[in-house]
Amino acid sequence: MRSEHLYLGVGIAVAAFVLFANDGFRNLILRTREHRRLESLLLRLRADHTALSEEWTQIQKDPSYTEYLIRRNLGYVKKGEVEYRILVSSHS
């Protein structure tokens, strides 16, 4: 019984050595991890692309949305409007 456990342990050690000491196996593991990372990145990029495509369509078709973006991002105001800026003190 004791020798069976010894043979089993030696067999597992040899199998682990053959698998993990092999460059091909390590490359397989690395490539698998890289593939998962790239798949995740691809999903995020596709979601971003969809959102940006929808926003581009809205910009092209909706002048009020375009005006909103110009006002928000560029700080434009219409003639006759007064812009108020509220300064918040950091020493409250």
PDB file of N, CA and C in Angstrom:
ATOM      1  N   MET A   1       0.826  -1.197   0.000  1.00  0.00           N
ATOM      2  CA  MET A   1       0.000   0.000   0.000  1.00  0.00           C
ATOM      3  C   MET A   1       0.871   1.261   0.000  1.00  0.00           C
ATOM      4  N   ARG A   2       1.901   1.251   0.821  1.00  0.00           N
ATOM      5  CA  ARG A   2       2.792   2.400   0.923  1.00  0.00           C
ATOM      6  C   ARG A   2       3.545   2.619  -0.387  1.00  0.00           C
ATOM      7  N   SER A   3       3.935   1.542  -1.039  1.00  0.00           N
ATOM      8  CA  SER A   3       4.657   1.681  -2.306  1.00  0.00           C
ATOM      9  C   SER A   3       3.729   2.191  -3.410  1.00  0.00           C
ATOM     10  N   GLU A   4       2.431   1.889  -3.334  1.00  0.00           N
ATOM     11  CA  GLU A   4       1.476   2.411  -4.323  1.00  0.00           C
ATOM     12  C   GLU A   4       1.358   3.925  -4.218  1.00  0.00           C
ATOM     13  N   HIS A   5       1.327   4.417  -2.991  1.00  0.00           N
ATOM     14  CA  HIS A   5       1.270   5.868  -2.780  1.00  0.00           C
ATOM     15  C   HIS A   5       2.552   6.530  -3.279  1.00  0.00           C
ATOM     16  N   LEU A   6       3.672   5.853  -3.067  1.00  0.00           N
ATOM     17  CA  LEU A   6       4.944   6.375  -3.538  1.00  0.00           C
ATOM     18  C   LEU A   6       4.966   6.458  -5.058  1.00  0.00           C
ATOM     19  N   TYR A   7       4.515   5.387  -5.716  1.00  0.00           N
ATOM     20  CA  TYR A   7       4.465   5.382  -7.185  1.00  0.00           C
ATOM     21  C   TYR A   7       3.491   6.442  -7.710  1.00  0.00           C
ATOM     22  N   LEU A   8       2.373   6.586  -7.052  1.00  0.00           N
ATOM     23  CA  LEU A   8       1.392   7.594  -7.449  1.00  0.00           C
ATOM     24  C   LEU A   8       1.994   8.996  -7.322  1.00  0.00           C
ATOM     25  N   GLY A   9       2.669   9.247  -6.197  1.00  0.00           N
ATOM     26  CA  GLY A   9       3.295  10.557  -5.984  1.00  0.00           C
ATOM     27  C   GLY A   9       4.379  10.837  -7.006  1.00  0.00           C
ATOM     28  N   VAL A  10       5.195   9.823  -7.284  1.00  0.00           N
ATOM     29  CA  VAL A  10       6.252   9.986  -8.283  1.00  0.00           C
ATOM     30  C   VAL A  10       5.637  10.209  -9.657  1.00  0.00           C
ATOM     31  N   GLY A  11       4.580   9.469  -9.964  1.00  0.00           N
ATOM     32  CA  GLY A  11       3.909   9.635 -11.265  1.00  0.00           C
ATOM     33  C   GLY A  11       3.336  11.029 -11.432  1.00  0.00           C
ATOM     34  N   ILE A  12       2.726  11.549 -10.381  1.00  0.00           N
ATOM     35  CA  ILE A  12       2.162  12.909 -10.434  1.00  0.00           C
ATOM     36  C   ILE A  12       3.282  13.932 -10.597  1.00  0.00           C
ATOM     37  N   ALA A  13       4.377  13.726  -9.869  1.00  0.00           N
ATOM     38  CA  ALA A  13       5.504  14.656  -9.972  1.00  0.00           C
ATOM     39  C   ALA A  13       6.100  14.651 -11.373  1.00  0.00           C
ATOM     40  N   VAL A  14       6.254  13.460 -11.962  1.00  0.00           N
ATOM     41  CA  VAL A  14       6.800  13.371 -13.316  1.00  0.00           C
ATOM     42  C   VAL A  14       5.844  14.011 -14.319  1.00  0.00           C
ATOM     43  N   ALA A  15       4.550  13.749 -14.173  1.00  0.00           N
ATOM     44  CA  ALA A  15       3.566  14.339 -15.083  1.00  0.00           C
ATOM     45  C   ALA A  15       3.577  15.858 -14.975  1.00  0.00           C
ATOM     46  N   ALA A  16       3.631  16.380 -13.739  1.00  0.00           N
ATOM     47  CA  ALA A  16       3.675  17.834 -13.548  1.00  0.00           C
ATOM     48  C   ALA A  16       4.946  18.411 -14.163  1.00  0.00           C
ATOM     49  N   PHE A  17       6.072  17.723 -13.982  1.00  0.00           N
ATOM     50  CA  PHE A  17       7.327  18.204 -14.556  1.00  0.00           C
ATOM     51  C   PHE A  17       7.257  18.239 -16.075  1.00  0.00           C
ATOM     52  N   VAL A  18       6.701  17.182 -16.671  1.00  0.00           N
ATOM     53  CA  VAL A  18       6.604  17.121 -18.136  1.00  0.00           C
ATOM     54  C   VAL A  18       5.689  18.225 -18.652  1.00  0.00           C
ATOM     55  N   LEU A  19       4.566  18.451 -17.951  1.00  0.00           N
ATOM     56  CA  LEU A  19       3.630  19.480 -18.413  1.00  0.00           C
ATOM     57  C   LEU A  19       4.179  20.888 -18.222  1.00  0.00           C
ATOM     58  N   PHE A  20       4.659  21.177 -17.033  1.00  0.00           N
ATOM     59  CA  PHE A  20       5.023  22.556 -16.711  1.00  0.00           C
ATOM     60  C   PHE A  20       6.435  22.931 -17.139  1.00  0.00           C
ATOM     61  N   ALA A  21       7.281  21.969 -17.389  1.00  0.00           N
ATOM     62  CA  ALA A  21       8.631  22.273 -17.854  1.00  0.00           C
ATOM     63  C   ALA A  21       8.671  22.393 -19.374  1.00  0.00           C
ATOM     64  N   ASN A  22       7.568  22.124 -19.990  1.00  0.00           N
ATOM     65  CA  ASN A  22       7.460  22.121 -21.448  1.00  0.00           C
ATOM     66  C   ASN A  22       7.092  23.526 -21.924  1.00  0.00           C
ATOM     67  N   ASP A  23       7.890  24.107 -22.811  1.00  0.00           N
ATOM     68  CA  ASP A  23       7.603  25.456 -23.334  1.00  0.00           C
ATOM     69  C   ASP A  23       6.286  25.508 -24.084  1.00  0.00           C
ATOM     70  N   GLY A  24       5.955  24.460 -24.783  1.00  0.00           N
ATOM     71  CA  GLY A  24       4.697  24.434 -25.527  1.00  0.00           C
ATOM     72  C   GLY A  24       3.493  24.561 -24.620  1.00  0.00           C
ATOM     73  N   PHE A  25       3.526  23.872 -23.493  1.00  0.00           N
ATOM     74  CA  PHE A  25       2.413  23.939 -22.547  1.00  0.00           C
ATOM     75  C   PHE A  25       2.317  25.331 -21.930  1.00  0.00           C
ATOM     76  N   ARG A  26       3.475  25.894 -21.545  1.00  0.00           N
ATOM     77  CA  ARG A  26       3.458  27.254 -20.986  1.00  0.00           C
ATOM     78  C   ARG A  26       2.942  28.255 -22.009  1.00  0.00           C
ATOM     79  N   ASN A  27       3.345  28.099 -23.249  1.00  0.00           N
ATOM     80  CA  ASN A  27       2.843  28.989 -24.300  1.00  0.00           C
ATOM     81  C   ASN A  27       1.343  28.842 -24.476  1.00  0.00           C
ATOM     82  N   LEU A  28       0.854  27.618 -24.392  1.00  0.00           N
ATOM     83  CA  LEU A  28      -0.591  27.387 -24.496  1.00  0.00           C
ATOM     84  C   LEU A  28      -1.334  28.130 -23.395  1.00  0.00           C
ATOM     85  N   ILE A  29      -0.837  28.041 -22.177  1.00  0.00           N
ATOM     86  CA  ILE A  29      -1.467  28.738 -21.053  1.00  0.00           C
ATOM     87  C   ILE A  29      -1.421  30.248 -21.276  1.00  0.00           C
ATOM     88  N   LEU A  30      -0.269  30.770 -21.680  1.00  0.00           N
ATOM     89  CA  LEU A  30      -0.143  32.214 -21.920  1.00  0.00           C
ATOM     90  C   LEU A  30      -1.066  32.677 -23.039  1.00  0.00           C
ATOM     91  N   ARG A  31      -1.130  31.929 -24.109  1.00  0.00           N
ATOM     92  CA  ARG A  31      -1.988  32.295 -25.244  1.00  0.00           C
ATOM     93  C   ARG A  31      -3.467  32.232 -24.870  1.00  0.00           C
ATOM     94  N   THR A  32      -3.820  31.260 -24.037  1.00  0.00           N
ATOM     95  CA  THR A  32      -5.211  31.158 -23.584  1.00  0.00           C
ATOM     96  C   THR A  32      -5.595  32.374 -22.757  1.00  0.00           C
ATOM     97  N   ARG A  33      -4.714  32.774 -21.855  1.00  0.00           N
ATOM     98  CA  ARG A  33      -4.985  33.976 -21.041  1.00  0.00           C
ATOM     99  C   ARG A  33      -5.082  35.222 -21.917  1.00  0.00           C
ATOM    100  N   GLU A  34      -4.171  35.346 -22.880  1.00  0.00           N
ATOM    101  CA  GLU A  34      -4.183  36.497 -23.786  1.00  0.00           C
ATOM    102  C   GLU A  34      -5.463  36.510 -24.618  1.00  0.00           C
ATOM    103  N   HIS A  35      -5.906  35.342 -25.051  1.00  0.00           N
ATOM    104  CA  HIS A  35      -7.140  35.237 -25.836  1.00  0.00           C
ATOM    105  C   HIS A  35      -8.335  35.722 -25.013  1.00  0.00           C
ATOM    106  N   ARG A  36      -8.394  35.305 -23.745  1.00  0.00           N
ATOM    107  CA  ARG A  36      -9.500  35.748 -22.875  1.00  0.00           C
ATOM    108  C   ARG A  36      -9.461  37.259 -22.681  1.00  0.00           C
ATOM    109  N   ARG A  37      -8.264  37.806 -22.473  1.00  0.00           N
ATOM    110  CA  ARG A  37      -8.129  39.250 -22.286  1.00  0.00           C
ATOM    111  C   ARG A  37      -8.575  40.008 -23.534  1.00  0.00           C
ATOM    112  N   LEU A  38      -8.170  39.518 -24.700  1.00  0.00           N
ATOM    113  CA  LEU A  38      -8.531  40.185 -25.949  1.00  0.00           C
ATOM    114  C   LEU A  38     -10.016  40.066 -26.253  1.00  0.00           C
ATOM    115  N   GLU A  39     -10.614  38.924 -25.915  1.00  0.00           N
ATOM    116  CA  GLU A  39     -12.065  38.774 -26.100  1.00  0.00           C
ATOM    117  C   GLU A  39     -12.819  39.779 -25.235  1.00  0.00           C
ATOM    118  N   SER A  40     -12.376  39.949 -24.007  1.00  0.00           N
ATOM    119  CA  SER A  40     -13.002  40.917 -23.104  1.00  0.00           C
ATOM    120  C   SER A  40     -12.856  42.338 -23.648  1.00  0.00           C
ATOM    121  N   LEU A  41     -11.667  42.655 -24.123  1.00  0.00           N
ATOM    122  CA  LEU A  41     -11.430  43.973 -24.713  1.00  0.00           C
ATOM    123  C   LEU A  41     -12.311  44.185 -25.939  1.00  0.00           C
ATOM    124  N   LEU A  42     -12.441  43.172 -26.762  1.00  0.00           N
ATOM    125  CA  LEU A  42     -13.275  43.265 -27.959  1.00  0.00           C
ATOM    126  C   LEU A  42     -14.728  43.533 -27.594  1.00  0.00           C
ATOM    127  N   LEU A  43     -15.239  42.882 -26.565  1.00  0.00           N
ATOM    128  CA  LEU A  43     -16.621  43.130 -26.133  1.00  0.00           C
ATOM    129  C   LEU A  43     -16.807  44.572 -25.680  1.00  0.00           C
ATOM    130  N   ARG A  44     -15.837  45.087 -24.908  1.00  0.00           N
ATOM    131  CA  ARG A  44     -15.939  46.485 -24.459  1.00  0.00           C
ATOM    132  C   ARG A  44     -15.875  47.446 -25.640  1.00  0.00           C
ATOM    133  N   LEU A  45     -14.988  47.175 -26.595  1.00  0.00           N
ATOM    134  CA  LEU A  45     -14.865  48.057 -27.756  1.00  0.00           C
ATOM    135  C   LEU A  45     -16.119  48.021 -28.622  1.00  0.00           C
ATOM    136  N   ARG A  46     -16.724  46.851 -28.764  1.00  0.00           N
ATOM    137  CA  ARG A  46     -17.976  46.763 -29.526  1.00  0.00           C
ATOM    138  C   ARG A  46     -19.083  47.556 -28.848  1.00  0.00           C
ATOM    139  N   ALA A  47     -19.154  47.479 -27.519  1.00  0.00           N
ATOM    140  CA  ALA A  47     -20.161  48.254 -26.786  1.00  0.00           C
ATOM    141  C   ALA A  47     -19.911  49.748 -26.961  1.00  0.00           C
ATOM    142  N   ASP A  48     -18.647  50.160 -26.869  1.00  0.00           N
ATOM    143  CA  ASP A  48     -18.310  51.577 -27.084  1.00  0.00           C
ATOM    144  C   ASP A  48     -18.678  52.009 -28.500  1.00  0.00           C
ATOM    145  N   HIS A  49     -18.403  51.171 -29.473  1.00  0.00           N
ATOM    146  CA  HIS A  49     -18.712  51.492 -30.867  1.00  0.00           C
ATOM    147  C   HIS A  49     -20.211  51.675 -31.056  1.00  0.00           C
ATOM    148  N   THR A  50     -20.993  50.788 -30.461  1.00  0.00           N
ATOM    149  CA  THR A  50     -22.449  50.892 -30.563  1.00  0.00           C
ATOM    150  C   THR A  50     -22.936  52.203 -29.950  1.00  0.00           C
ATOM    151  N   ALA A  51     -22.433  52.514 -28.758  1.00  0.00           N
ATOM    152  CA  ALA A  51     -22.854  53.754 -28.093  1.00  0.00           C
ATOM    153  C   ALA A  51     -22.457  54.979 -28.903  1.00  0.00           C
ATOM    154  N   LEU A  52     -21.244  54.988 -29.436  1.00  0.00           N
ATOM    155  CA  LEU A  52     -20.797  56.131 -30.231  1.00  0.00           C
ATOM    156  C   LEU A  52     -21.568  56.241 -31.548  1.00  0.00           C
ATOM    157  N   SER A  53     -21.906  55.122 -32.146  1.00  0.00           N
ATOM    158  CA  SER A  53     -22.698  55.153 -33.383  1.00  0.00           C
ATOM    159  C   SER A  53     -24.079  55.740 -33.114  1.00  0.00           C
ATOM    160  N   GLU A  54     -24.678  55.355 -31.993  1.00  0.00           N
ATOM    161  CA  GLU A  54     -25.994  55.899 -31.641  1.00  0.00           C
ATOM    162  C   GLU A  54     -25.900  57.397 -31.369  1.00  0.00           C
ATOM    163  N   GLU A  55     -24.836  57.816 -30.675  1.00  0.00           N
ATOM    164  CA  GLU A  55     -24.681  59.247 -30.401  1.00  0.00           C
ATOM    165  C   GLU A  55     -24.450  60.018 -31.696  1.00  0.00           C
ATOM    166  N   TRP A  56     -23.664  59.468 -32.607  1.00  0.00           N
ATOM    167  CA  TRP A  56     -23.420  60.129 -33.890  1.00  0.00           C
ATOM    168  C   TRP A  56     -24.723  60.294 -34.670  1.00  0.00           C
ATOM    169  N   THR A  57     -25.550  59.264 -34.666  1.00  0.00           N
ATOM    170  CA  THR A  57     -26.848  59.348 -35.336  1.00  0.00           C
ATOM    171  C   THR A  57     -27.705  60.437 -34.704  1.00  0.00           C
ATOM    172  N   GLN A  58     -27.687  60.501 -33.364  1.00  0.00           N
ATOM    173  CA  GLN A  58     -28.470  61.524 -32.675  1.00  0.00           C
ATOM    174  C   GLN A  58     -27.940  62.915 -32.992  1.00  0.00           C
ATOM    175  N   ILE A  59     -26.638  63.067 -33.067  1.00  0.00           N
ATOM    176  CA  ILE A  59     -26.049  64.371 -33.404  1.00  0.00           C
ATOM    177  C   ILE A  59     -26.484  64.801 -34.802  1.00  0.00           C
ATOM    178  N   GLN A  60     -26.496  63.863 -35.743  1.00  0.00           N
ATOM    179  CA  GLN A  60     -26.858  64.199 -37.120  1.00  0.00           C
ATOM    180  C   GLN A  60     -28.339  64.525 -37.274  1.00  0.00           C
ATOM    181  N   LYS A  61     -29.198  63.898 -36.491  1.00  0.00           N
ATOM    182  CA  LYS A  61     -30.644  64.040 -36.697  1.00  0.00           C
ATOM    183  C   LYS A  61     -31.317  65.015 -35.746  1.00  0.00           C
ATOM    184  N   ASP A  62     -30.681  65.348 -34.631  1.00  0.00           N
ATOM    185  CA  ASP A  62     -31.344  66.153 -33.608  1.00  0.00           C
ATOM    186  C   ASP A  62     -30.555  67.435 -33.338  1.00  0.00           C
ATOM    187  N   PRO A  63     -30.971  68.559 -33.927  1.00  0.00           N
ATOM    188  CA  PRO A  63     -30.242  69.819 -33.722  1.00  0.00           C
ATOM    189  C   PRO A  63     -30.206  70.270 -32.262  1.00  0.00           C
ATOM    190  N   SER A  64     -31.246  69.950 -31.494  1.00  0.00           N
ATOM    191  CA  SER A  64     -31.245  70.375 -30.092  1.00  0.00           C
ATOM    192  C   SER A  64     -30.181  69.608 -29.292  1.00  0.00           C
ATOM    193  N   TYR A  65     -29.939  68.357 -29.642  1.00  0.00           N
ATOM    194  CA  TYR A  65     -28.891  67.591 -28.971  1.00  0.00           C
ATOM    195  C   TYR A  65     -27.514  68.143 -29.348  1.00  0.00           C
ATOM    196  N   THR A  66     -27.355  68.504 -30.610  1.00  0.00           N
ATOM    197  CA  THR A  66     -26.101  69.111 -31.058  1.00  0.00           C
ATOM    198  C   THR A  66     -25.849  70.415 -30.308  1.00  0.00           C
ATOM    199  N   GLU A  67     -26.898  71.229 -30.174  1.00  0.00           N
ATOM    200  CA  GLU A  67     -26.771  72.487 -29.431  1.00  0.00           C
ATOM    201  C   GLU A  67     -26.394  72.218 -27.972  1.00  0.00           C
ATOM    202  N   TYR A  68     -27.029  71.216 -27.375  1.00  0.00           N
ATOM    203  CA  TYR A  68     -26.725  70.856 -25.992  1.00  0.00           C
ATOM    204  C   TYR A  68     -25.240  70.492 -25.842  1.00  0.00           C
ATOM    205  N   LEU A  69     -24.717  69.680 -26.766  1.00  0.00           N
ATOM    206  CA  LEU A  69     -23.314  69.276 -26.693  1.00  0.00           C
ATOM    207  C   LEU A  69     -22.371  70.465 -26.853  1.00  0.00           C
ATOM    208  N   ILE A  70     -22.718  71.354 -27.777  1.00  0.00           N
ATOM    209  CA  ILE A  70     -21.882  72.535 -28.004  1.00  0.00           C
ATOM    210  C   ILE A  70     -21.870  73.412 -26.758  1.00  0.00           C
ATOM    211  N   ARG A  71     -23.023  73.625 -26.153  1.00  0.00           N
ATOM    212  CA  ARG A  71     -23.095  74.446 -24.952  1.00  0.00           C
ATOM    213  C   ARG A  71     -22.328  73.802 -23.791  1.00  0.00           C
ATOM    214  N   ARG A  72     -22.534  72.485 -23.613  1.00  0.00           N
ATOM    215  CA  ARG A  72     -21.902  71.789 -22.490  1.00  0.00           C
ATOM    216  C   ARG A  72     -20.382  71.680 -22.664  1.00  0.00           C
ATOM    217  N   ASN A  73     -19.957  71.279 -23.829  1.00  0.00           N
ATOM    218  CA  ASN A  73     -18.531  70.998 -24.020  1.00  0.00           C
ATOM    219  C   ASN A  73     -17.698  72.221 -24.395  1.00  0.00           C
ATOM    220  N   LEU A  74     -18.307  73.169 -25.081  1.00  0.00           N
ATOM    221  CA  LEU A  74     -17.546  74.325 -25.556  1.00  0.00           C
ATOM    222  C   LEU A  74     -17.890  75.617 -24.824  1.00  0.00           C
ATOM    223  N   GLY A  75     -18.921  75.592 -23.987  1.00  0.00           N
ATOM    224  CA  GLY A  75     -19.270  76.760 -23.195  1.00  0.00           C
ATOM    225  C   GLY A  75     -19.947  77.874 -23.959  1.00  0.00           C
ATOM    226  N   TYR A  76     -20.552  77.569 -25.092  1.00  0.00           N
ATOM    227  CA  TYR A  76     -21.221  78.602 -25.879  1.00  0.00           C
ATOM    228  C   TYR A  76     -22.518  79.041 -25.201  1.00  0.00           C
ATOM    229  N   VAL A  77     -22.849  80.324 -25.397  1.00  0.00           N
ATOM    230  CA  VAL A  77     -24.133  80.873 -24.947  1.00  0.00           C
ATOM    231  C   VAL A  77     -24.746  81.624 -26.115  1.00  0.00           C
ATOM    232  N   LYS A  78     -26.061  81.687 -26.113  1.00  0.00           N
ATOM    233  CA  LYS A  78     -26.748  82.414 -27.183  1.00  0.00           C
ATOM    234  C   LYS A  78     -26.632  83.911 -26.946  1.00  0.00           C
ATOM    235  N   LYS A  79     -26.822  84.664 -28.021  1.00  0.00           N
ATOM    236  CA  LYS A  79     -26.793  86.125 -27.932  1.00  0.00           C
ATOM    237  C   LYS A  79     -27.904  86.558 -26.986  1.00  0.00           C
ATOM    238  N   GLY A  80     -27.548  87.419 -26.044  1.00  0.00           N
ATOM    239  CA  GLY A  80     -28.524  87.923 -25.085  1.00  0.00           C
ATOM    240  C   GLY A  80     -28.576  87.099 -23.801  1.00  0.00           C
ATOM    241  N   GLU A  81     -27.999  85.917 -23.784  1.00  0.00           N
ATOM    242  CA  GLU A  81     -27.988  85.103 -22.565  1.00  0.00           C
ATOM    243  C   GLU A  81     -26.836  85.547 -21.670  1.00  0.00           C
ATOM    244  N   VAL A  82     -26.994  85.308 -20.408  1.00  0.00           N
ATOM    245  CA  VAL A  82     -25.940  85.608 -19.446  1.00  0.00           C
ATOM    246  C   VAL A  82     -25.521  84.290 -18.805  1.00  0.00           C
ATOM    247  N   GLU A  83     -24.230  84.063 -18.797  1.00  0.00           N
ATOM    248  CA  GLU A  83     -23.719  82.826 -18.191  1.00  0.00           C
ATOM    249  C   GLU A  83     -23.314  83.117 -16.757  1.00  0.00           C
ATOM    250  N   TYR A  84     -23.798  82.302 -15.863  1.00  0.00           N
ATOM    251  CA  TYR A  84     -23.421  82.408 -14.460  1.00  0.00           C
ATOM    252  C   TYR A  84     -22.553  81.216 -14.108  1.00  0.00           C
ATOM    253  N   ARG A  85     -21.460  81.500 -13.448  1.00  0.00           N
ATOM    254  CA  ARG A  85     -20.580  80.427 -12.975  1.00  0.00           C
ATOM    255  C   ARG A  85     -20.543  80.490 -11.459  1.00  0.00           C
ATOM    256  N   ILE A  86     -20.794  79.373 -10.860  1.00  0.00           N
ATOM    257  CA  ILE A  86     -20.814  79.304  -9.399  1.00  0.00           C
ATOM    258  C   ILE A  86     -19.483  78.687  -8.961  1.00  0.00           C
ATOM    259  N   LEU A  87     -18.754  79.448  -8.185  1.00  0.00           N
ATOM    260  CA  LEU A  87     -17.470  78.978  -7.681  1.00  0.00           C
ATOM    261  C   LEU A  87     -17.687  78.377  -6.312  1.00  0.00           C
ATOM    262  N   VAL A  88     -17.202  77.179  -6.134  1.00  0.00           N
ATOM    263  CA  VAL A  88     -17.339  76.500  -4.857  1.00  0.00           C
ATOM    264  C   VAL A  88     -16.025  76.587  -4.111  1.00  0.00           C
ATOM    265  N   SER A  89     -16.082  77.081  -2.896  1.00  0.00           N
ATOM    266  CA  SER A  89     -14.877  77.221  -2.105  1.00  0.00           C
ATOM    267  C   SER A  89     -14.478  75.861  -1.536  1.00  0.00           C
ATOM    268  N   SER A  90     -13.202  75.582  -1.564  1.00  0.00           N
ATOM    269  CA  SER A  90     -12.730  74.312  -1.009  1.00  0.00           C
ATOM    270  C   SER A  90     -12.509  74.408   0.490  1.00  0.00           C
ATOM    271  N   HIS A  91     -12.692  75.612   1.068  1.00  0.00           N
ATOM    272  CA  HIS A  91     -12.486  75.826   2.522  1.00  0.00           C
ATOM    273  C   HIS A  91     -13.823  75.953   3.232  1.00  0.00           C
ATOM    274  N   SER A  92     -14.721  75.037   2.996  1.00  0.00           N
ATOM    275  CA  SER A  92     -16.051  75.126   3.626  1.00  0.00           C
ATOM    276  C   SER A  92     -16.041  74.641   5.024  1.00  0.00           C
TER     277      SER A  92
END
